[in-house]
Protein backbone atom coordinates (compact mmCIF):
# COMPACT_ATOMS: atom_id res chain seq x y z
CA MET A 1 16.91 -13.24 29.05
CA ASN A 2 13.87 -14.23 27.22
CA LYS A 3 14.09 -15.25 23.28
CA LYS A 4 12.59 -12.64 21.22
CA PRO A 5 10.00 -13.68 18.70
CA LEU A 6 11.41 -14.06 15.17
CA ILE A 7 9.03 -13.81 12.30
CA LEU A 8 9.31 -14.77 8.44
CA GLY A 9 7.21 -12.60 6.14
CA ILE A 10 6.42 -13.69 2.62
CA GLU A 11 4.43 -11.43 0.09
CA SER A 12 3.50 -12.27 -3.54
CA SER A 13 0.09 -10.24 -4.01
CA CYS A 14 0.86 -8.58 -7.20
CA ASP A 15 4.29 -8.07 -9.16
CA GLU A 16 7.01 -8.11 -5.98
CA THR A 17 8.47 -11.51 -4.65
CA ALA A 18 9.55 -10.51 -1.20
CA ALA A 19 10.60 -12.13 2.04
CA SER A 20 11.46 -10.67 5.21
CA LEU A 21 12.65 -11.41 8.85
CA ILE A 22 11.75 -9.47 11.49
CA THR A 23 12.57 -9.59 15.75
CA GLU A 24 12.04 -7.05 18.43
CA ASN A 25 14.72 -5.27 20.80
CA GLU A 26 14.14 -5.13 24.58
CA GLN A 27 11.73 -2.56 24.69
CA GLY A 28 9.72 -4.51 22.34
CA ALA A 29 10.41 -2.22 19.66
CA PRO A 30 10.62 -4.14 15.72
CA ILE A 31 13.78 -4.78 14.11
CA ILE A 32 14.05 -5.50 10.46
CA LEU A 33 16.55 -8.16 10.42
CA SER A 34 16.34 -8.52 6.28
CA ASN A 35 13.94 -7.21 3.80
CA ILE A 36 14.62 -8.72 0.30
CA ILE A 37 12.12 -7.41 -2.50
CA SER A 38 12.38 -8.83 -5.92
CA SER A 39 10.51 -6.36 -8.48
CA GLN A 40 9.08 -7.52 -12.02
CA VAL A 41 9.33 -4.61 -14.01
CA ASP A 42 11.32 -6.27 -16.54
CA VAL A 43 8.78 -8.70 -17.12
CA HIS A 44 5.55 -6.51 -17.53
CA LYS A 45 7.01 -3.13 -18.76
CA ASP A 46 6.53 -4.27 -22.63
CA PHE A 47 2.86 -5.02 -21.61
CA GLY A 48 1.84 -1.76 -20.22
CA GLY A 49 0.82 -3.34 -16.78
CA VAL A 50 1.01 -6.32 -14.86
CA VAL A 51 0.32 -9.81 -16.54
CA PRO A 52 -1.03 -12.14 -13.79
CA GLU A 53 0.09 -15.64 -15.42
CA LEU A 54 3.57 -14.02 -16.26
CA ALA A 55 3.74 -12.68 -12.80
CA ALA A 56 2.69 -15.93 -11.03
CA ARG A 57 5.43 -17.59 -12.77
CA SER A 58 8.13 -15.12 -11.99
CA HIS A 59 6.94 -15.76 -8.03
CA MET A 60 7.41 -19.33 -8.40
CA GLU A 61 10.80 -19.09 -10.16
CA LYS A 62 12.11 -16.84 -7.54
CA ILE A 63 10.30 -17.26 -4.21
CA ASP A 64 12.48 -20.25 -3.06
CA TRP A 65 15.83 -18.12 -3.87
CA ILE A 66 14.10 -15.11 -2.02
CA VAL A 67 13.37 -16.65 1.36
CA LYS A 68 16.68 -18.32 1.32
CA LYS A 69 18.45 -14.65 0.92
CA ALA A 70 16.20 -13.18 3.40
CA ILE A 71 17.42 -15.71 5.98
CA ASP A 72 20.79 -15.63 5.14
CA LYS A 73 21.01 -12.03 5.52
CA SER A 74 19.29 -11.95 8.80
CA GLY A 75 22.22 -13.86 10.42
CA LYS A 76 19.40 -16.29 11.85
CA ASN A 77 19.02 -19.98 11.46
CA ILE A 78 15.75 -21.62 10.11
CA GLU A 79 15.23 -23.07 13.30
CA GLU A 80 15.08 -20.10 15.40
CA ILE A 81 12.07 -18.69 13.16
CA ASP A 82 8.80 -18.79 15.76
CA ALA A 83 6.12 -18.20 12.96
CA VAL A 84 5.60 -17.81 9.16
CA ALA A 85 3.35 -14.90 7.65
CA SER A 86 2.00 -14.85 4.20
CA THR A 87 0.06 -12.25 2.43
CA ALA A 88 -3.43 -13.97 1.71
CA GLY A 89 -5.25 -10.99 -0.05
CA PRO A 90 -6.19 -8.82 -1.66
CA GLY A 91 -4.31 -8.93 -4.75
CA LEU A 92 -4.10 -11.39 -7.96
CA ILE A 93 -4.95 -15.09 -7.12
CA VAL A 94 -2.76 -16.47 -9.02
CA CYS A 95 0.19 -14.65 -7.35
CA LEU A 96 -1.00 -14.64 -3.91
CA SER A 97 -1.44 -18.66 -3.83
CA VAL A 98 2.41 -18.91 -4.65
CA GLY A 99 3.42 -17.00 -1.61
CA LEU A 100 0.41 -18.44 0.69
CA SER A 101 0.76 -22.27 -0.59
CA PHE A 102 4.92 -21.52 0.04
CA GLY A 103 4.20 -20.09 3.86
CA LYS A 104 2.37 -22.78 4.51
CA ALA A 105 4.73 -25.42 3.57
CA PHE A 106 7.60 -23.54 5.23
CA ALA A 107 5.44 -23.51 8.26
CA ALA A 108 4.51 -26.86 8.28
CA SER A 109 7.98 -28.29 7.85
CA LEU A 110 9.25 -26.16 11.05
CA ASN A 111 5.84 -27.33 13.17
CA LYS A 112 5.42 -23.49 13.90
CA PRO A 113 2.45 -21.39 13.37
CA PHE A 114 1.42 -19.88 10.12
CA ILE A 115 -0.50 -16.71 10.28
CA ALA A 116 -2.58 -15.55 6.71
CA VAL A 117 -2.05 -11.81 6.63
CA ASN A 118 -4.41 -9.17 4.77
CA HIS A 119 -2.01 -7.18 2.71
CA LEU A 120 -3.89 -3.75 3.58
CA GLU A 121 -3.58 -4.39 7.08
CA GLY A 122 0.36 -4.73 6.29
CA HIS A 123 0.47 -1.25 4.77
CA ALA A 124 -1.41 0.06 7.82
CA LEU A 125 0.71 -1.35 10.58
CA SER A 126 3.84 -0.39 8.15
CA PRO A 127 4.69 2.65 10.02
CA LYS A 128 4.62 1.07 13.58
CA ILE A 129 7.86 -0.30 12.28
CA ASN A 130 9.81 2.84 13.14
CA SER A 131 7.22 4.61 15.02
CA ASN A 132 5.73 4.19 18.51
CA ILE A 133 2.14 5.06 17.15
CA ASN A 134 -0.96 4.51 19.40
CA TYR A 135 -4.47 3.46 18.77
CA PRO A 136 -6.87 5.21 17.35
CA TYR A 137 -5.34 6.69 14.14
CA LEU A 138 -6.29 8.08 11.08
CA LEU A 139 -4.67 6.05 8.07
CA LEU A 140 -4.54 7.21 4.49
CA LEU A 141 -3.94 4.43 1.97
CA ILE A 142 -2.92 4.84 -1.45
CA SER A 143 -1.49 2.38 -3.45
CA GLY A 144 -1.71 0.91 -6.97
CA GLY A 145 -4.72 -1.31 -5.88
CA HIS A 146 -6.19 0.91 -3.05
CA SER A 147 -6.86 4.29 -1.95
CA GLN A 148 -9.21 4.68 1.21
CA PHE A 149 -9.21 6.73 4.26
CA LEU A 150 -9.43 4.25 7.49
CA ASN A 151 -10.12 4.57 10.98
CA VAL A 152 -7.32 2.26 12.57
CA GLN A 153 -8.94 1.00 16.19
CA GLY A 154 -6.60 -1.65 17.00
CA LEU A 155 -5.17 -4.66 15.50
CA GLY A 156 -7.86 -6.03 13.34
CA LYS A 157 -10.18 -3.34 14.03
CA TYR A 158 -10.85 -0.85 10.86
CA LYS A 159 -13.63 1.26 10.03
CA ARG A 160 -13.54 2.55 6.55
CA LEU A 161 -14.41 6.77 6.08
CA GLY A 162 -14.03 6.98 2.38
CA THR A 163 -12.43 5.21 -0.55
CA THR A 164 -12.13 5.23 -4.11
CA ILE A 165 -15.46 4.79 -6.17
CA ASP A 166 -13.21 3.59 -9.46
CA ASP A 167 -9.66 4.00 -9.98
CA ALA A 168 -7.01 3.64 -7.23
CA LEU A 169 -4.71 6.83 -6.82
CA GLY A 170 -1.73 4.85 -7.78
CA GLU A 171 -3.59 3.35 -11.00
CA ALA A 172 -4.38 6.95 -11.77
CA PHE A 173 -0.47 7.59 -11.90
CA ASP A 174 0.56 4.86 -13.91
CA LYS A 175 -2.67 5.40 -16.73
CA THR A 176 -1.48 9.05 -16.79
CA ALA A 177 1.97 7.99 -17.53
CA LYS A 178 1.14 5.39 -20.04
CA LEU A 179 -1.21 8.19 -21.89
CA LEU A 180 2.16 10.37 -21.63
CA GLY A 181 4.38 7.73 -23.39
CA VAL A 182 6.21 6.96 -19.92
CA GLU A 183 6.95 2.79 -19.45
CA PHE A 184 5.48 0.64 -16.75
CA PRO A 185 5.61 1.38 -14.12
CA GLY A 186 5.17 5.37 -14.80
CA GLY A 187 3.61 6.68 -11.73
CA PRO A 188 6.78 7.60 -9.95
CA GLN A 189 8.19 9.43 -13.31
CA ILE A 190 4.94 11.67 -13.45
CA GLU A 191 6.71 13.47 -10.25
CA ILE A 192 10.03 14.14 -12.29
CA MET A 193 8.02 15.38 -15.24
CA ALA A 194 5.81 17.56 -13.03
CA LYS A 195 9.39 19.43 -12.14
CA LYS A 196 9.57 20.78 -15.31
CA GLY A 197 6.20 21.69 -16.37
CA ASP A 198 3.49 24.37 -15.61
CA PRO A 199 0.96 23.26 -13.22
CA ASN A 200 -1.26 25.68 -14.15
CA LYS A 201 -1.39 25.17 -17.70
CA TYR A 202 -4.26 22.53 -17.69
CA ASP A 203 -7.55 23.06 -15.99
CA LEU A 204 -8.14 19.31 -14.73
CA PRO A 205 -11.63 17.94 -13.59
CA LYS A 206 -11.74 16.98 -9.88
CA PRO A 207 -14.58 14.18 -10.05
CA ILE A 208 -17.17 14.56 -6.77
CA PHE A 209 -14.87 17.22 -5.22
CA HIS A 210 -17.80 18.67 -3.87
CA LYS A 211 -19.67 15.59 -2.67
CA GLY A 212 -19.42 12.01 -1.23
CA GLY A 213 -17.60 13.14 1.67
CA CYS A 214 -14.15 11.99 2.09
CA ASN A 215 -14.76 9.55 -1.04
CA LEU A 216 -12.48 9.58 -3.70
CA SER A 217 -12.67 9.28 -7.63
CA PHE A 218 -9.94 9.48 -10.37
CA SER A 219 -11.62 7.98 -13.56
CA GLY A 220 -12.92 11.13 -14.94
CA LEU A 221 -9.45 12.75 -14.61
CA LYS A 222 -7.96 10.01 -16.29
CA THR A 223 -10.61 10.80 -19.26
CA ALA A 224 -9.95 14.19 -19.41
CA ILE A 225 -6.15 13.60 -19.73
CA LEU A 226 -6.74 10.92 -22.70
CA LYS A 227 -8.42 13.59 -24.38
CA ILE A 228 -5.50 16.28 -23.96
CA THR A 229 -3.15 13.70 -25.02
CA LYS A 230 -4.36 13.38 -28.33
CA ASP A 231 -3.21 16.92 -29.30
CA ILE A 232 -0.15 17.02 -27.25
CA LYS A 233 2.88 17.75 -29.78
CA THR A 234 5.79 18.86 -27.77
CA GLU A 235 7.69 17.41 -24.34
CA GLN A 236 7.04 20.68 -22.81
CA GLU A 237 3.38 20.04 -23.30
CA LYS A 238 3.81 16.44 -21.36
CA PHE A 239 5.62 18.38 -18.59
CA ASP A 240 2.91 20.65 -18.27
CA LEU A 241 0.33 18.03 -18.30
CA ALA A 242 2.27 16.11 -15.46
CA ALA A 243 2.25 19.29 -13.60
CA SER A 244 -1.28 19.78 -13.87
CA PHE A 245 -2.35 16.31 -13.10
CA GLN A 246 -0.09 15.98 -9.85
CA LYS A 247 -1.45 19.43 -8.76
CA THR A 248 -4.94 18.39 -9.06
CA ILE A 249 -4.58 15.17 -7.00
CA ASN A 250 -2.82 17.06 -4.81
CA GLU A 251 -6.00 19.48 -4.54
CA ILE A 252 -8.39 16.51 -4.07
CA LEU A 253 -6.68 15.29 -1.51
CA TYR A 254 -6.01 18.45 0.51
CA LYS A 255 -9.99 18.55 0.69
CA LYS A 256 -10.85 14.83 1.01
CA THR A 257 -8.24 14.68 3.91
CA LYS A 258 -9.67 17.61 5.78
CA ILE A 259 -13.04 16.24 5.63
CA ALA A 260 -11.63 12.89 6.89
CA PHE A 261 -10.02 14.77 9.58
CA SER A 262 -13.39 15.71 10.98
CA GLU A 263 -14.84 12.39 10.49
CA PHE A 264 -12.41 10.41 12.32
CA GLU A 265 -12.50 13.12 15.20
CA LYS A 266 -16.06 12.71 15.37
CA GLN A 267 -15.89 8.84 15.47
CA SER A 268 -13.17 8.18 17.72
CA ARG A 269 -12.55 11.79 19.91
CA PRO A 270 -8.62 10.88 19.92
CA LYS A 271 -6.43 12.01 22.70
CA GLU A 272 -3.59 12.21 20.05
CA LYS A 273 -4.50 13.57 16.51
CA ILE A 274 -2.53 11.13 14.41
CA PHE A 275 -2.54 10.67 10.53
CA VAL A 276 -0.55 7.88 8.93
CA VAL A 277 0.00 7.63 5.05
CA ALA A 278 1.02 4.43 3.62
CA GLY A 279 1.30 2.50 0.08
CA GLY A 280 3.38 3.02 -2.72
CA VAL A 281 1.99 6.92 -3.73
CA ALA A 282 3.27 7.80 -0.23
CA ALA A 283 6.49 7.99 -1.75
CA ASN A 284 5.57 10.72 -3.75
CA LYS A 285 7.55 13.86 -2.16
CA LYS A 286 5.01 16.48 -3.40
CA ILE A 287 1.91 14.50 -1.67
CA ARG A 288 4.23 14.00 1.21
CA SER A 289 4.83 17.51 1.72
CA MET A 290 1.14 18.99 0.98
CA LEU A 291 -0.05 16.56 3.53
CA THR A 292 2.61 17.27 6.21
CA ASP A 293 1.41 20.89 5.65
CA LEU A 294 -2.10 20.05 5.94
CA CYS A 295 -1.28 18.33 9.20
CA SER A 296 0.40 21.34 10.70
CA GLU A 297 -2.59 23.47 9.90
CA LYS A 298 -4.93 21.12 11.65
CA ASN A 299 -2.65 19.80 14.69
CA TYR A 300 -2.24 16.55 13.43
CA GLN A 301 1.22 14.59 13.87
CA SER A 302 1.75 13.01 10.18
CA ILE A 303 3.97 9.68 10.25
CA PHE A 304 5.06 8.12 7.01
CA PRO A 305 6.75 4.72 6.57
CA PRO A 306 10.03 4.73 5.41
CA ILE A 307 10.34 4.99 1.28
CA GLU A 308 11.40 1.39 1.09
CA LEU A 309 8.39 0.42 3.00
CA CYS A 310 5.78 2.39 1.16
CA GLY A 311 5.71 -0.34 -2.04
CA ASP A 312 4.84 -4.05 -1.29
CA ASN A 313 6.88 -5.37 0.78
CA ALA A 314 7.17 -8.36 3.05
CA ALA A 315 8.49 -6.38 6.53
CA MET A 316 5.24 -4.94 6.61
CA ILE A 317 3.51 -8.54 6.58
CA ALA A 318 5.87 -9.93 9.16
CA MET A 319 5.21 -6.93 11.34
CA VAL A 320 1.20 -8.06 11.21
CA GLY A 321 2.52 -11.77 11.98
CA LEU A 322 4.70 -10.46 15.22
CA GLU A 323 1.54 -8.44 16.38
CA LYS A 324 -0.52 -11.29 15.95
CA LEU A 325 2.01 -14.00 17.40
CA LYS A 326 1.88 -11.87 20.64
CA LEU A 327 -1.87 -12.52 20.93
CA LYS A 328 -1.76 -16.19 19.34
CA LYS A 329 -4.04 -15.22 16.64
CA PHE A 330 -2.93 -18.32 14.24
CA SER A 331 -4.26 -19.54 10.92
CA LYS A 332 -5.14 -23.04 9.66
CA LEU A 333 -3.32 -24.21 7.20
CA ASP A 334 -6.27 -24.42 4.51
CA HIS A 335 -6.77 -20.62 4.98
CA PRO A 336 -7.71 -19.63 1.57
CA ALA A 337 -6.28 -16.59 -0.86
CA LYS A 338 -8.70 -14.08 -0.98
CA PRO A 339 -8.58 -11.76 -3.99
CA ARG A 340 -11.07 -9.23 -2.37
CA TRP A 341 -10.39 -8.77 1.37
CA PRO A 342 -11.70 -5.46 2.90
CA LEU A 343 -10.32 -4.42 5.92
CA ASP A 344 -13.95 -3.30 7.10
CA GLU A 345 -15.98 -6.22 6.27
CA ASP A 346 -19.02 -4.02 7.23
CA ALA A 347 -18.34 -1.27 4.49
CA ALA A 348 -20.29 -0.97 1.53
CA PHE A 349 -18.71 -2.18 -1.84
CA LEU A 350 -18.46 1.41 -3.51
CA LYS A 351 -17.57 0.64 -7.24
CA GLY A 352 -19.46 0.07 -10.34
CA ALA A 353 -22.26 1.79 -12.08
CA GLY A 354 -25.23 3.41 -9.94
CA ILE A 355 -23.41 4.45 -7.00
CA GLN A 356 -25.17 6.94 -4.75
CA LEU A 357 -22.78 9.31 -2.93
């Protein structure tokens, strides 16, 4: 019986230190043997956001222990590892450098191939861990740092259809939560607060709602919330604003996703219409429900990663490593950390003043 590949994945792009080992079964489907994630919520909560220097220090303190724990939990020996995959970008460079350097050193010590992974590609392929998906498929990546629609044509082949021109959706959730007095990370708390509120209480703006194709904008929405919170006096008003915010986000995503469906079909003429939603915000049940209903309406198959694989994790990095190992797509040990590393290298950079949509 042929030995199945065993991949060690390492993730340290922001404020999670993570390590995972994955292999595959006889049918070639991936199997997660371990997926260890150490969050830094307590490190950053007093600052209302991630402090890069503190995050990097925490990564350095924990990474050796996290990797050892992942190997121990997998039931495998270090010598059985066939390749090491580390996130090389995008992300905070001081954080990326910790996991990247560790992964390179680990691979070199074992004399095994090293694979530098794009963090966004990890999210893009994360649903393949638990779903048998064929290319091409449409991806909505919604996380703390990224919001974009991508035509996933194959490993390493991505065409961006739309992106945020300012804040990422996860960032908008966290900033709204902070304005409502919720500790960082507050995004997940918005969903809880919204259940107690009236979603029709506040009429909030929907930036570039009627233009810009499936590009997104959340900065103006955040500004409107800032103004409203100055006059809020009761807890119920906070709940109402959270509910109104979430309703507005759903309306934006509903319309923009329909446009993305149309663009995807023009570009790819897919035999199967598959819509994948990944990233931390994909864990939001209200957004999941709305997008699932939209897929039923438009005859798309909706696929979400398991909740535990929506946020930053190393299993998705190992998943990319597994795919690249099969194709012998390895990286040199001098591969740099890339704080900005788009999946579609040809896509225009759409942030900053003076953007024409």
